[in-house]
Amino acid sequence: MQEKLNIAVFVDYDNIEIGVKSTLRREFDVSLPLDALKERGDLVAKFAYANWGRQEGAARSMAENAVQMVQRLPSPRGDKNGGDINLALDALEMAFTHPHVNAFAIVSGDSDFIPLVNKLKEYGKTVFVVGGKAFTSTILQQNCHEFVSYESLLSEDRGQSQSQGRDRGPRPQGQVGEQQPGRDRPPGGQRMRPAPLDLAQAMPLVERALQVLERRAVQPQLGLLKSTMLQLDSAFTEKAYGANSFSDFVEKLKKADYVNVSGQGGRYIIERKGASQPERPTPKPEEALPPLRDVLETHRLEMENGVLLDDLAAWVQTEVPNFSAAAYGFQEFSEFLNYAQDKLVVRVEPDEEKGPIVYMGAEFYPPAEPERAPEPHVEEEEDEKQPIVEGQPSLLEPNPPPVKPKPVRRARKPAGSGNTADRPRRGGGGTRKKRPPEHHGPMQ
């Protein structure tokens, strides 16, 4: 049997709140991610990090859902990452001190939590990430065990509210204005649900998951197929293809003649089609970046001060009429820009009033080349004149003539040179032996 999941939830309120408000034009409702996580396990701990003195309405919602609010004190030098550090430290402490907690859910779209996600996975914990596809880093989406998109939760909430409204019947004219504002209707107007993606775009992932199960010699049932698909792509969700559940998603694949489905009573066996099924190549997400680069280069001057996301989308639609973000696997243009931001093509800054503001990414501003250090001056050494050896060739002459020896002449010593002590002196100076006088007569 599958191990029961005890989930600890950590909410980075500042990040998720501004992301939802700027991209989805709605107020963040903490009950939506909590309800989605309850379907995956038991929620044993719930924490939210923010400066709650400025969030009175949100604090009331947190208290209603039994979420423990952790006060983040702002520092004089700014507190952009203060909540991130506290959240990461508390999550790691719980991983060490609470062994029964085997799953963690991070409600945020900040890519700074990627090291935390990787560390929790090293300790054998299951990691969920809840965030919007339009503002959550694609790297964070792909590195957790399962990514739960906030957009899909909004779709469910809207569908339930509409069905409840139909059950109640038409409202009297005097009660139209009694609807609670801020929950089902965003301040910027109701957001239209994006069109579902083509089922053909999901087939590469389905085919790969079925091949994995075939190699394991395991029957590809519904639950096992979905868990394998999430293992291969944690950002997969059947709601992106217009299905309310995974069984509905498989039914759509069957009707489109993509897979063979057998069995009944909820125990379906899914098998992939044979080689007779024609392959439908789908464009890859990176293939959508060149048209965007061309548009950014054309409007480089306007992009210097940042433009609204809707304005950039209009430019792309005008200059590239055949461009469609859905053809590359993105439900909305904002999701495509989020992917382009991770590729350093654009930089998206959220704004609560205007919406996302797009700038040109670091790709268009390459770092300056470092200054080259001056090369050390090396003095050239003059080659010494090589002696000419008799009988050996040289650079000047291949066979130089033999050098004739010069006659050695004794140099005359000049007068007054040399050692005066060894040379007899004429005249007065020096000691000189006198010869005895010669006697020519008879000795007397």
Protein backbone atom coordinates (compact mmCIF):
# COMPACT_ATOMS: atom_id res chain seq x y z
CA MET A 1 0.00 0.00 0.00
CA GLN A 2 1.05 3.56 -0.66
CA GLU A 3 2.53 5.35 2.34
CA LYS A 4 0.23 7.88 3.96
CA LEU A 5 1.38 11.47 3.43
CA ASN A 6 1.60 13.85 6.38
CA ILE A 7 1.99 17.24 4.76
CA ALA A 8 3.44 20.41 6.28
CA VAL A 9 2.39 23.55 4.40
CA PHE A 10 4.60 26.65 4.18
CA VAL A 11 3.10 29.76 2.55
CA ASP A 12 5.29 32.60 1.28
CA TYR A 13 2.42 35.05 1.40
CA ASP A 14 4.20 38.11 -0.01
CA ASN A 15 5.26 36.25 -3.15
CA ILE A 16 2.05 34.35 -3.85
CA GLU A 17 -0.17 37.33 -3.08
CA ILE A 18 1.52 39.75 -5.48
CA GLY A 19 1.82 37.04 -8.14
CA VAL A 20 -1.88 36.21 -8.07
CA LYS A 21 -2.93 39.86 -7.95
CA SER A 22 -0.66 41.06 -10.77
CA THR A 23 -1.07 38.17 -13.23
CA LEU A 24 -4.52 36.73 -12.45
CA ARG A 25 -6.07 40.01 -11.20
CA ARG A 26 -7.56 38.28 -8.16
CA GLU A 27 -7.09 38.20 -4.41
CA PHE A 28 -5.18 35.22 -3.04
CA ASP A 29 -7.44 32.72 -1.25
CA VAL A 30 -5.49 30.36 0.99
CA SER A 31 -8.37 27.91 1.19
CA LEU A 32 -7.94 26.89 -2.46
CA PRO A 33 -4.42 25.41 -2.15
CA LEU A 34 -5.28 23.90 1.24
CA ASP A 35 -8.29 22.07 -0.21
CA ALA A 36 -6.20 20.79 -3.10
CA LEU A 37 -3.51 19.50 -0.73
CA LYS A 38 -6.09 17.73 1.45
CA GLU A 39 -6.79 15.47 -1.51
CA ARG A 40 -3.17 14.29 -1.40
CA GLY A 41 -2.71 13.71 2.34
CA ASP A 42 -3.26 14.97 5.87
CA LEU A 43 -2.26 18.55 6.65
CA VAL A 44 -0.40 18.27 9.96
CA ALA A 45 1.10 21.79 10.05
CA LYS A 46 0.34 25.09 8.28
CA PHE A 47 2.54 28.19 8.41
CA ALA A 48 2.38 31.52 6.56
CA TYR A 49 5.11 34.18 6.52
CA ALA A 50 4.43 37.90 6.06
CA ASN A 51 4.39 41.26 7.78
CA TRP A 52 0.89 40.73 9.14
CA GLY A 53 0.57 44.26 10.47
CA ARG A 54 -0.11 45.37 6.89
CA GLN A 55 -2.34 42.42 5.97
CA GLU A 56 -5.46 42.66 8.13
CA GLY A 57 -7.83 41.02 5.65
CA ALA A 58 -5.39 38.23 4.87
CA ALA A 59 -4.76 37.63 8.57
CA ARG A 60 -8.47 37.04 9.08
CA SER A 61 -8.51 34.49 6.26
CA MET A 62 -5.47 32.71 7.70
CA ALA A 63 -7.12 32.48 11.11
CA GLU A 64 -10.30 31.02 9.59
CA ASN A 65 -8.24 28.26 7.96
CA ALA A 66 -6.15 27.54 11.10
CA VAL A 67 -2.92 28.71 9.50
CA GLN A 68 -0.22 29.75 11.96
CA MET A 69 0.99 33.23 11.04
CA VAL A 70 4.71 33.84 11.45
CA GLN A 71 5.55 37.51 11.78
CA ARG A 72 8.36 38.69 9.58
CA LEU A 73 9.95 41.82 10.99
CA PRO A 74 11.22 44.19 8.27
CA SER A 75 14.83 45.26 8.52
CA PRO A 76 16.08 48.82 7.90
CA ARG A 77 17.98 47.69 4.78
CA GLY A 78 15.01 45.99 3.21
CA ASP A 79 13.43 42.60 3.77
CA LYS A 80 13.06 41.12 0.30
CA ASN A 81 14.41 37.69 1.25
CA GLY A 82 13.67 37.78 4.97
CA GLY A 83 10.61 35.56 4.70
CA ASP A 84 12.39 33.15 2.36
CA ILE A 85 15.19 32.52 4.85
CA ASN A 86 12.81 32.02 7.79
CA LEU A 87 10.64 29.65 5.77
CA ALA A 88 13.61 27.57 4.61
CA LEU A 89 15.08 27.30 8.12
CA ASP A 90 11.76 26.25 9.67
CA ALA A 91 11.14 23.67 6.94
CA LEU A 92 14.56 22.09 7.40
CA GLU A 93 14.15 22.09 11.19
CA MET A 94 10.83 20.26 10.85
CA ALA A 95 12.43 17.73 8.49
CA PHE A 96 14.96 16.89 11.21
CA THR A 97 12.78 17.08 14.32
CA HIS A 98 9.47 15.64 13.02
CA PRO A 99 10.18 12.32 11.31
CA HIS A 100 6.46 11.58 10.86
CA VAL A 101 6.22 14.55 8.44
CA ASN A 102 7.08 12.95 5.12
CA ALA A 103 5.74 15.60 2.70
CA PHE A 104 6.17 19.36 2.37
CA ALA A 105 4.10 21.85 0.37
CA ILE A 106 5.58 25.23 -0.57
CA VAL A 107 3.02 27.80 -1.68
CA SER A 108 5.17 30.22 -3.63
CA GLY A 109 6.52 30.93 -7.09
CA ASP A 110 9.98 32.11 -6.05
CA SER A 111 12.90 30.31 -7.68
CA ASP A 112 14.96 30.95 -4.53
CA PHE A 113 13.30 27.87 -3.01
CA ILE A 114 14.93 25.49 -5.50
CA PRO A 115 17.80 24.63 -3.07
CA LEU A 116 15.22 23.94 -0.34
CA VAL A 117 13.24 21.64 -2.63
CA ASN A 118 16.36 19.73 -3.62
CA LYS A 119 17.48 19.38 0.00
CA LEU A 120 14.09 18.05 1.13
CA LYS A 121 14.15 15.53 -1.71
CA GLU A 122 17.60 14.41 -0.53
CA TYR A 123 16.06 13.62 2.86
CA GLY A 124 13.40 11.45 1.20
CA LYS A 125 10.52 13.92 1.55
CA THR A 126 7.74 14.38 -1.01
CA VAL A 127 7.60 18.00 -2.15
CA PHE A 128 4.56 19.80 -3.59
CA VAL A 129 4.71 23.31 -5.01
CA VAL A 130 1.59 25.45 -5.35
CA GLY A 131 1.82 28.52 -7.56
CA GLY A 132 0.64 30.15 -10.74
CA LYS A 133 1.97 28.96 -14.05
CA ALA A 134 2.21 32.58 -15.12
CA PHE A 135 4.64 33.59 -12.35
CA THR A 136 6.18 30.41 -10.89
CA SER A 137 9.64 29.60 -12.15
CA THR A 138 9.55 26.73 -14.63
CA ILE A 139 12.69 25.34 -12.99
CA LEU A 140 10.83 25.13 -9.68
CA GLN A 141 7.86 23.49 -11.41
CA GLN A 142 10.03 20.76 -12.93
CA ASN A 143 12.07 19.92 -9.83
CA CYS A 144 9.30 19.14 -7.32
CA HIS A 145 7.31 15.91 -7.16
CA GLU A 146 4.05 17.60 -8.18
CA PHE A 147 3.22 21.15 -9.18
CA VAL A 148 -0.32 22.35 -8.44
CA SER A 149 -1.25 25.36 -10.57
CA TYR A 150 -3.32 28.06 -8.93
CA GLU A 151 -5.12 28.66 -12.24
CA SER A 152 -6.62 25.16 -12.14
CA LEU A 153 -7.87 25.78 -8.61
CA LEU A 154 -9.57 28.96 -9.76
CA SER A 155 -11.30 27.06 -12.54
CA GLU A 156 -12.67 24.53 -10.07
CA ASP A 157 -13.82 27.25 -7.70
CA ARG A 158 -15.53 29.15 -10.52
CA GLY A 159 -17.27 26.01 -11.78
CA GLN A 160 -18.57 25.18 -8.31
CA SER A 161 -19.85 28.71 -7.76
CA GLN A 162 -21.61 28.70 -11.11
CA SER A 163 -23.26 25.32 -10.41
CA GLN A 164 -24.39 26.53 -7.00
CA GLY A 165 -25.84 29.62 -8.63
CA ARG A 166 -27.82 27.51 -11.09
CA ASP A 167 -29.17 25.32 -8.28
CA ARG A 168 -30.41 28.33 -6.37
CA GLY A 169 -32.25 29.67 -9.39
CA PRO A 170 -32.35 33.27 -10.63
CA ARG A 171 -31.74 36.00 -8.11
CA PRO A 172 -34.23 38.77 -7.56
CA GLN A 173 -33.19 42.09 -9.00
CA GLY A 174 -32.79 43.62 -5.58
CA GLN A 175 -30.27 40.99 -4.48
CA VAL A 176 -27.85 41.23 -7.39
CA GLY A 177 -25.48 43.50 -5.52
CA GLU A 178 -25.28 41.27 -2.47
CA GLN A 179 -22.51 39.11 -3.95
CA GLN A 180 -19.39 39.15 -1.81
CA PRO A 181 -16.70 41.16 -3.66
CA GLY A 182 -13.10 40.14 -3.92
CA ARG A 183 -13.57 36.38 -3.83
CA ASP A 184 -15.17 35.29 -7.10
CA ARG A 185 -14.83 38.58 -8.96
CA PRO A 186 -11.37 40.20 -9.22
CA PRO A 187 -10.98 43.97 -9.02
CA GLY A 188 -9.87 44.18 -12.65
CA GLY A 189 -12.86 42.20 -14.02
CA GLN A 190 -13.63 38.52 -14.38
CA ARG A 191 -10.80 36.61 -15.97
CA MET A 192 -11.74 34.35 -18.85
CA ARG A 193 -10.78 30.71 -18.55
CA PRO A 194 -8.00 29.92 -21.05
CA ALA A 195 -8.75 27.59 -23.92
CA PRO A 196 -7.67 23.98 -23.33
CA LEU A 197 -4.58 22.65 -25.04
CA ASP A 198 -4.65 20.15 -27.86
CA LEU A 199 -4.54 16.53 -26.71
CA ALA A 200 -1.79 15.82 -29.24
CA GLN A 201 0.59 17.89 -27.11
CA ALA A 202 0.14 15.47 -24.19
CA MET A 203 0.83 12.36 -26.24
CA PRO A 204 4.66 12.46 -26.02
CA LEU A 205 4.40 12.36 -22.22
CA VAL A 206 1.69 9.66 -22.29
CA GLU A 207 3.72 7.52 -24.71
CA ARG A 208 6.85 7.86 -22.58
CA ALA A 209 4.98 6.93 -19.37
CA LEU A 210 3.42 3.86 -21.04
CA GLN A 211 6.84 2.75 -22.28
CA VAL A 212 8.24 3.06 -18.76
CA LEU A 213 5.45 0.88 -17.36
CA GLU A 214 5.95 -1.68 -20.14
CA ARG A 215 9.65 -1.96 -19.29
CA ARG A 216 8.70 -2.52 -15.64
CA ALA A 217 6.18 -5.20 -16.69
CA VAL A 218 3.41 -3.37 -14.79
CA GLN A 219 -0.18 -3.01 -15.92
CA PRO A 220 -0.77 0.67 -16.80
CA GLN A 221 -3.80 1.47 -14.64
CA LEU A 222 -5.16 4.98 -14.12
CA GLY A 223 -3.44 5.86 -10.84
CA LEU A 224 -0.15 4.29 -11.83
CA LEU A 225 -0.15 6.03 -15.20
CA LYS A 226 -0.74 9.44 -13.65
CA SER A 227 1.93 8.96 -10.98
CA THR A 228 4.40 7.93 -13.70
CA MET A 229 3.52 10.97 -15.78
CA LEU A 230 4.02 13.22 -12.74
CA GLN A 231 7.36 11.54 -12.12
CA LEU A 232 8.43 12.42 -15.65
CA ASP A 233 6.87 15.90 -15.68
CA SER A 234 5.78 17.31 -12.33
CA ALA A 235 4.02 20.25 -14.01
CA PHE A 236 1.50 18.03 -15.82
CA THR A 237 -2.17 18.64 -15.07
CA GLU A 238 -5.13 17.16 -16.89
CA LYS A 239 -7.09 20.37 -16.38
CA ALA A 240 -4.88 22.12 -18.93
CA TYR A 241 -6.48 19.84 -21.56
CA GLY A 242 -10.06 20.56 -20.51
CA ALA A 243 -10.53 17.48 -18.28
CA ASN A 244 -11.93 17.68 -14.77
CA SER A 245 -10.24 14.43 -13.66
CA PHE A 246 -7.60 12.06 -14.93
CA SER A 247 -10.22 9.46 -15.89
CA ASP A 248 -11.92 12.14 -17.98
CA PHE A 249 -8.55 12.88 -19.56
CA VAL A 250 -8.09 9.22 -20.51
CA GLU A 251 -11.61 9.14 -21.96
CA LYS A 252 -10.71 12.07 -24.17
CA LEU A 253 -7.60 10.23 -25.36
CA LYS A 254 -9.71 7.18 -26.14
CA LYS A 255 -12.26 9.18 -28.14
CA ALA A 256 -9.45 10.83 -30.09
CA ASP A 257 -8.11 7.34 -30.91
CA TYR A 258 -4.76 7.97 -29.22
CA VAL A 259 -4.80 5.02 -26.78
CA ASN A 260 -6.61 1.72 -26.24
CA VAL A 261 -8.61 1.48 -23.01
CA SER A 262 -9.96 -1.78 -21.62
CA GLY A 263 -11.62 -2.76 -18.35
CA GLN A 264 -14.53 -1.39 -16.40
CA GLY A 265 -15.60 -0.39 -12.91
CA GLY A 266 -12.81 2.14 -12.53
CA ARG A 267 -10.07 -0.42 -13.23
CA TYR A 268 -9.06 0.72 -16.67
CA ILE A 269 -6.01 -0.63 -18.49
CA ILE A 270 -4.44 1.84 -20.89
CA GLU A 271 -2.33 0.64 -23.82
CA ARG A 272 -0.64 2.69 -26.45
CA LYS A 273 -1.42 2.37 -30.09
CA GLY A 274 0.80 0.41 -32.44
CA ALA A 275 3.01 1.73 -35.19
CA SER A 276 -0.06 2.34 -37.36
CA GLN A 277 -0.87 5.47 -35.34
CA PRO A 278 0.60 8.42 -37.28
CA GLU A 279 2.98 10.55 -35.29
CA ARG A 280 2.00 14.16 -34.87
CA PRO A 281 5.09 16.21 -34.18
CA THR A 282 4.42 19.01 -31.71
CA PRO A 283 6.55 22.15 -31.55
CA LYS A 284 8.93 22.40 -28.63
CA PRO A 285 8.69 25.36 -26.22
CA GLU A 286 12.16 26.65 -27.12
CA GLU A 287 11.05 27.01 -30.75
CA ALA A 288 8.77 29.89 -29.70
CA LEU A 289 11.67 32.06 -28.52
CA PRO A 290 13.08 33.27 -31.91
CA PRO A 291 9.88 35.15 -32.91
CA LEU A 292 9.81 36.81 -29.51
CA ARG A 293 13.45 37.86 -29.87
CA ASP A 294 12.68 39.50 -33.23
CA VAL A 295 9.80 41.49 -31.75
CA LEU A 296 11.94 42.62 -28.80
CA GLU A 297 14.68 43.80 -31.14
CA THR A 298 12.16 45.73 -33.22
CA HIS A 299 10.78 47.53 -30.15
CA ARG A 300 14.06 47.81 -28.28
CA LEU A 301 13.63 51.51 -27.47
CA GLU A 302 10.13 51.00 -26.03
CA MET A 303 11.32 48.00 -24.02
CA GLU A 304 14.01 50.02 -22.23
CA ASN A 305 11.44 51.54 -19.85
CA GLY A 306 9.27 48.40 -19.70
CA VAL A 307 5.94 47.69 -21.40
CA LEU A 308 2.73 46.09 -20.24
CA LEU A 309 2.27 42.41 -20.95
CA ASP A 310 -0.84 43.08 -23.04
CA ASP A 311 1.05 45.57 -25.21
CA LEU A 312 3.83 43.09 -25.90
CA ALA A 313 1.26 40.40 -26.74
CA ALA A 314 -0.36 42.81 -29.22
CA TRP A 315 3.01 43.49 -30.88
CA VAL A 316 3.69 39.78 -31.25
CA GLN A 317 0.23 39.17 -32.70
CA THR A 318 0.65 42.01 -35.19
CA GLU A 319 4.16 41.21 -36.39
CA VAL A 320 3.85 37.40 -36.20
CA PRO A 321 0.21 36.70 -37.13
CA ASN A 322 0.63 32.91 -37.11
CA PHE A 323 2.15 32.84 -33.62
CA SER A 324 0.16 31.00 -30.94
CA ALA A 325 1.46 30.27 -27.45
CA ALA A 326 -0.94 27.32 -27.18
CA ALA A 327 0.81 25.60 -30.10
CA TYR A 328 3.95 25.36 -27.94
CA GLY A 329 2.20 24.03 -24.82
CA PHE A 330 1.31 27.31 -23.06
CA GLN A 331 -2.28 28.07 -22.21
CA GLU A 332 -1.69 31.81 -22.00
CA PHE A 333 0.86 34.32 -23.25
CA SER A 334 1.84 35.12 -19.65
CA GLU A 335 2.91 31.49 -19.15
CA PHE A 336 5.08 31.76 -22.25
CA LEU A 337 6.73 34.93 -20.90
CA ASN A 338 7.39 33.16 -17.61
CA TYR A 339 9.22 30.45 -19.56
CA ALA A 340 11.11 33.11 -21.55
CA GLN A 341 12.15 34.77 -18.29
CA ASP A 342 13.87 31.57 -17.13
CA LYS A 343 15.70 31.56 -20.48
CA LEU A 344 16.89 35.16 -19.79
CA VAL A 345 15.06 36.50 -22.87
CA VAL A 346 12.80 38.84 -20.86
CA ARG A 347 12.48 40.09 -17.31
CA VAL A 348 8.99 40.35 -15.80
CA GLU A 349 8.30 42.63 -12.84
CA PRO A 350 4.86 42.27 -11.13
CA ASP A 351 2.82 45.39 -10.50
CA GLU A 352 -0.36 45.22 -8.44
CA GLU A 353 -2.06 48.10 -10.27
CA LYS A 354 -0.83 47.87 -13.87
CA GLY A 355 -0.11 44.18 -14.06
CA PRO A 356 3.13 42.49 -15.19
CA ILE A 357 5.68 44.83 -16.76
CA VAL A 358 8.11 43.26 -19.22
CA TYR A 359 11.71 44.31 -19.81
CA MET A 360 14.39 42.91 -22.06
CA GLY A 361 16.29 40.09 -20.41
CA ALA A 362 19.95 39.65 -19.63
CA GLU A 363 20.44 37.94 -22.99
CA PHE A 364 20.32 41.35 -24.70
CA TYR A 365 22.83 42.87 -22.27
CA PRO A 366 25.91 40.66 -22.41
CA PRO A 367 28.50 41.39 -19.74
CA ALA A 368 31.39 43.59 -20.78
CA GLU A 369 34.63 41.87 -21.55
CA PRO A 370 37.10 42.13 -18.67
CA GLU A 371 40.00 44.45 -19.20
CA ARG A 372 43.08 42.67 -20.30
CA ALA A 373 46.03 42.90 -17.97
CA PRO A 374 49.03 44.63 -19.54
CA GLU A 375 51.48 42.15 -20.86
CA PRO A 376 54.82 42.22 -19.03
CA HIS A 377 57.60 43.83 -21.03
CA VAL A 378 60.25 41.28 -21.87
CA GLU A 379 63.60 42.59 -22.95
CA GLU A 380 64.91 40.82 -25.97
CA GLU A 381 68.29 39.30 -25.40
CA GLU A 382 70.80 39.83 -28.13
CA ASP A 383 72.27 36.68 -29.48
CA GLU A 384 75.89 36.29 -28.67
CA LYS A 385 78.20 36.03 -31.56
CA GLN A 386 78.92 32.40 -32.12
CA PRO A 387 82.53 31.43 -32.59
CA ILE A 388 83.53 30.04 -35.93
CA VAL A 389 85.00 26.57 -35.66
CA GLU A 390 87.35 25.47 -38.36
CA GLY A 391 85.78 22.92 -40.66
CA GLN A 392 82.23 23.51 -39.35
CA PRO A 393 79.60 25.37 -41.43
CA SER A 394 78.15 28.58 -40.08
CA LEU A 395 75.22 30.85 -40.89
CA LEU A 396 77.44 33.26 -42.74
CA GLU A 397 79.33 30.83 -44.90
CA PRO A 398 78.57 27.16 -45.42
CA ASN A 399 82.27 26.23 -45.58
CA PRO A 400 84.32 29.06 -44.20
CA PRO A 401 88.01 29.11 -45.07
CA PRO A 402 90.33 27.99 -42.32
CA VAL A 403 91.57 30.74 -40.14
CA LYS A 404 95.30 31.32 -40.55
CA PRO A 405 97.11 31.62 -37.27
CA LYS A 406 98.80 34.93 -36.83
CA PRO A 407 102.53 34.90 -35.97
CA VAL A 408 103.14 35.57 -32.37
CA ARG A 409 105.41 38.51 -31.82
CA ARG A 410 107.02 39.44 -28.60
CA ALA A 411 106.04 42.81 -27.58
CA ARG A 412 108.87 44.99 -26.51
CA LYS A 413 108.64 46.27 -23.09
CA PRO A 414 108.84 50.00 -23.01
CA ALA A 415 111.45 51.66 -21.01
CA GLY A 416 110.44 52.31 -17.52
CA SER A 417 107.88 49.54 -17.50
CA GLY A 418 108.14 46.33 -15.63
CA ASN A 419 109.45 45.60 -12.19
CA THR A 420 112.22 48.02 -11.36
CA ALA A 421 113.37 45.88 -8.48
CA ASP A 422 114.40 43.01 -10.77
CA ARG A 423 116.13 45.15 -13.36
CA PRO A 424 119.62 46.52 -12.56
CA ARG A 425 119.71 50.21 -12.47
CA ARG A 426 122.41 52.37 -13.91
CA GLY A 427 123.78 55.08 -11.82
CA GLY A 428 123.35 55.91 -8.22
CA GLY A 429 120.36 53.97 -6.92
CA GLY A 430 120.31 50.32 -5.90
CA THR A 431 122.79 47.92 -4.41
CA ARG A 432 125.43 46.72 -6.80
CA LYS A 433 128.43 44.47 -6.08
CA LYS A 434 131.77 45.97 -6.89
CA ARG A 435 134.39 43.91 -8.64
CA PRO A 436 137.74 43.64 -6.85
CA PRO A 437 140.57 45.58 -8.55
CA GLU A 438 142.72 43.62 -10.87
CA HIS A 439 146.48 43.37 -10.04
CA HIS A 440 148.76 43.06 -12.96
CA GLY A 441 152.02 42.89 -11.00
CA PRO A 442 153.47 40.13 -8.73
CA MET A 443 151.73 39.53 -5.49
CA GLN A 444 153.70 40.91 -2.61
